[in-house]
Amino acid sequence: MDIISSLLPLVIISGVIAGIVALARRGGAHDDNPGIGTVRRLYIYGLSLAGLVTAAIGATLIVSAGLDALFGSMMISGENTTISLGLSLTIVGTPVWLFFWIMAQRSIHRNVVEIRSISRKFYLYLVLAVAAIVVSVAATILLQWIFNHQDFN
């Protein structure tokens, strides 16, 4: 089982690379309109992803601190660093994500060719894959806690 868990990241990275290569080969006919350009596109989607990850980590910390306060063994804590860190990450990450996501949407309205860009598809599939993994792990932990298979951390 340890071998499978250690090979899982390698399989995921290989699958992402194979998907990108398949999308690039399937591209077919190219338009003369390059859109906003590859560098700008990567910049927009990269910072959008960074903002989304930052906001998601902050929201996770807030929810975790709230659940620990409700169901944890310690009801009152003298230290609020988890909540303050979660709030600061959420407050900073959400506007960054919104700004760059709105910028990406505006580029789509100006250049329809942007919808077919590999960077956009990679961003969307990456966000969906990470969200599916996080939700499945959280659901597994929740079910283990509900059925008393593992203590709630």
Protein backbone atom coordinates (compact mmCIF):
# COMPACT_ATOMS: atom_id res chain seq x y z
CA MET A 1 0.00 0.00 0.00
CA ASP A 2 2.95 2.32 0.67
CA ILE A 3 4.22 1.80 -2.87
CA ILE A 4 0.86 2.79 -4.35
CA SER A 5 0.60 5.93 -2.22
CA SER A 6 4.15 6.96 -3.12
CA LEU A 7 3.51 6.45 -6.85
CA LEU A 8 0.21 8.37 -6.85
CA PRO A 9 1.80 11.84 -7.32
CA LEU A 10 3.89 10.50 -10.21
CA VAL A 11 0.79 9.05 -11.87
CA ILE A 12 -1.10 12.33 -11.46
CA ILE A 13 1.75 14.39 -12.92
CA SER A 14 2.12 11.94 -15.82
CA GLY A 15 -1.61 12.14 -16.50
CA VAL A 16 -1.52 15.95 -16.54
CA ILE A 17 1.42 15.96 -18.96
CA ALA A 18 -0.30 13.39 -21.20
CA GLY A 19 -3.48 15.48 -21.18
CA ILE A 20 -1.61 18.62 -22.18
CA VAL A 21 0.17 16.81 -25.00
CA ALA A 22 -3.13 15.32 -26.23
CA LEU A 23 -4.79 18.74 -26.19
CA ALA A 24 -1.87 20.29 -28.06
CA ARG A 25 -1.93 17.60 -30.76
CA ARG A 26 -5.69 17.78 -31.15
CA GLY A 27 -5.61 21.54 -31.72
CA GLY A 28 -6.00 21.22 -35.50
CA ALA A 29 -6.45 24.45 -37.46
CA HIS A 30 -5.08 27.62 -35.91
CA ASP A 31 -6.55 31.07 -36.30
CA ASP A 32 -4.52 34.12 -37.18
CA ASN A 33 -5.79 35.74 -33.97
CA PRO A 34 -3.40 34.75 -31.15
CA GLY A 35 -5.72 36.18 -28.48
CA ILE A 36 -4.08 37.91 -25.55
CA GLY A 37 -0.83 35.98 -25.88
CA THR A 38 0.60 33.00 -24.07
CA VAL A 39 2.64 34.88 -21.48
CA ARG A 40 -0.24 37.13 -20.45
CA ARG A 41 -2.61 34.17 -20.41
CA LEU A 42 -0.26 32.16 -18.15
CA TYR A 43 0.18 35.20 -15.90
CA ILE A 44 -3.58 35.70 -15.52
CA TYR A 45 -4.42 32.04 -14.90
CA GLY A 46 -1.39 31.49 -12.66
CA LEU A 47 -2.26 34.37 -10.35
CA SER A 48 -5.93 33.43 -10.46
CA LEU A 49 -4.99 29.95 -9.29
CA ALA A 50 -2.74 31.36 -6.55
CA GLY A 51 -5.56 33.59 -5.30
CA LEU A 52 -8.04 30.72 -5.37
CA VAL A 53 -5.71 28.42 -3.45
CA THR A 54 -5.00 31.14 -0.88
CA ALA A 55 -8.70 31.84 -0.36
CA ALA A 56 -9.50 28.13 -0.13
CA ILE A 57 -6.81 27.51 2.48
CA GLY A 58 -8.10 30.46 4.49
CA ALA A 59 -11.69 29.23 4.31
CA THR A 60 -10.55 25.75 5.34
CA LEU A 61 -8.75 27.15 8.37
CA ILE A 62 -11.83 29.14 9.40
CA VAL A 63 -14.13 26.13 9.05
CA SER A 64 -11.63 23.91 10.87
CA ALA A 65 -11.37 26.34 13.78
CA GLY A 66 -15.15 26.62 13.91
CA LEU A 67 -15.62 22.84 13.96
CA ASP A 68 -12.93 22.47 16.61
CA ALA A 69 -14.70 25.07 18.72
CA LEU A 70 -18.04 23.30 18.34
CA PHE A 71 -17.05 19.65 18.56
CA GLY A 72 -13.49 19.68 19.90
CA SER A 73 -12.45 18.94 23.44
CA MET A 74 -11.40 22.53 24.14
CA MET A 75 -14.30 24.96 23.88
CA ILE A 76 -12.43 28.17 24.71
CA SER A 77 -8.98 28.85 23.42
CA GLY A 78 -6.66 31.62 24.45
CA GLU A 79 -4.98 31.61 21.08
CA ASN A 80 -6.80 32.72 17.91
CA THR A 81 -3.96 32.37 15.42
CA THR A 82 -5.79 29.81 13.29
CA ILE A 83 -8.84 32.01 12.86
CA SER A 84 -6.78 35.14 12.25
CA LEU A 85 -4.58 33.36 9.70
CA GLY A 86 -7.66 31.95 7.98
CA LEU A 87 -9.33 35.35 7.87
CA SER A 88 -6.24 37.07 6.50
CA LEU A 89 -5.73 34.44 3.79
CA THR A 90 -9.38 34.61 2.79
CA ILE A 91 -9.49 38.40 2.81
CA VAL A 92 -6.37 38.64 0.63
CA GLY A 93 -6.94 35.61 -1.62
CA THR A 94 -10.58 36.21 -2.58
CA PRO A 95 -10.11 39.66 -4.18
CA VAL A 96 -6.95 38.47 -5.97
CA TRP A 97 -8.82 35.50 -7.42
CA LEU A 98 -11.84 37.61 -8.36
CA PHE A 99 -9.69 40.26 -10.03
CA PHE A 100 -7.75 37.83 -12.21
CA TRP A 101 -10.78 35.64 -12.95
CA ILE A 102 -12.76 38.69 -14.10
CA MET A 103 -9.75 39.70 -16.21
CA ALA A 104 -9.75 36.22 -17.80
CA GLN A 105 -13.48 36.44 -18.49
CA ARG A 106 -13.08 39.85 -20.12
CA SER A 107 -10.36 38.48 -22.37
CA ILE A 108 -12.79 35.77 -23.49
CA HIS A 109 -15.43 38.35 -24.41
CA ARG A 110 -12.88 40.33 -26.43
CA ASN A 111 -11.20 37.33 -28.09
CA VAL A 112 -13.36 34.26 -28.60
CA VAL A 113 -10.23 32.25 -29.41
CA GLU A 114 -9.36 32.36 -25.69
CA ILE A 115 -12.01 29.74 -24.92
CA ARG A 116 -9.96 27.14 -26.80
CA SER A 117 -6.62 27.96 -25.16
CA ILE A 118 -4.79 25.12 -23.49
CA SER A 119 -3.92 27.34 -20.51
CA ARG A 120 -7.61 27.96 -19.77
CA LYS A 121 -8.52 24.30 -20.10
CA PHE A 122 -5.58 23.29 -17.91
CA TYR A 123 -6.61 25.83 -15.26
CA LEU A 124 -10.22 24.68 -15.21
CA TYR A 125 -9.38 20.97 -15.14
CA LEU A 126 -6.77 21.52 -12.44
CA VAL A 127 -9.27 23.39 -10.26
CA LEU A 128 -11.88 20.67 -10.79
CA ALA A 129 -9.41 17.87 -10.03
CA VAL A 130 -8.11 19.49 -6.85
CA ALA A 131 -11.66 20.26 -5.70
CA ALA A 132 -12.71 16.64 -6.29
CA ILE A 133 -9.72 15.33 -4.36
CA VAL A 134 -10.29 17.71 -1.44
CA VAL A 135 -14.01 16.92 -1.25
CA SER A 136 -13.41 13.16 -1.37
CA VAL A 137 -10.76 13.31 1.36
CA ALA A 138 -12.97 15.53 3.54
CA ALA A 139 -15.95 13.22 3.02
CA THR A 140 -13.84 10.22 3.99
CA ILE A 141 -12.62 11.92 7.15
CA LEU A 142 -16.16 13.02 8.02
CA LEU A 143 -17.54 9.51 7.56
CA GLN A 144 -14.71 8.05 9.66
CA TRP A 145 -15.52 10.52 12.41
CA ILE A 146 -19.28 9.87 12.23
CA PHE A 147 -18.80 6.12 12.55
CA ASN A 148 -16.15 6.55 15.31
CA HIS A 149 -13.49 4.89 13.21
CA GLN A 150 -11.05 7.73 13.89
CA ASP A 151 -11.02 10.62 16.36
CA PHE A 152 -11.92 14.08 15.12
CA ASN A 153 -8.77 16.21 15.01
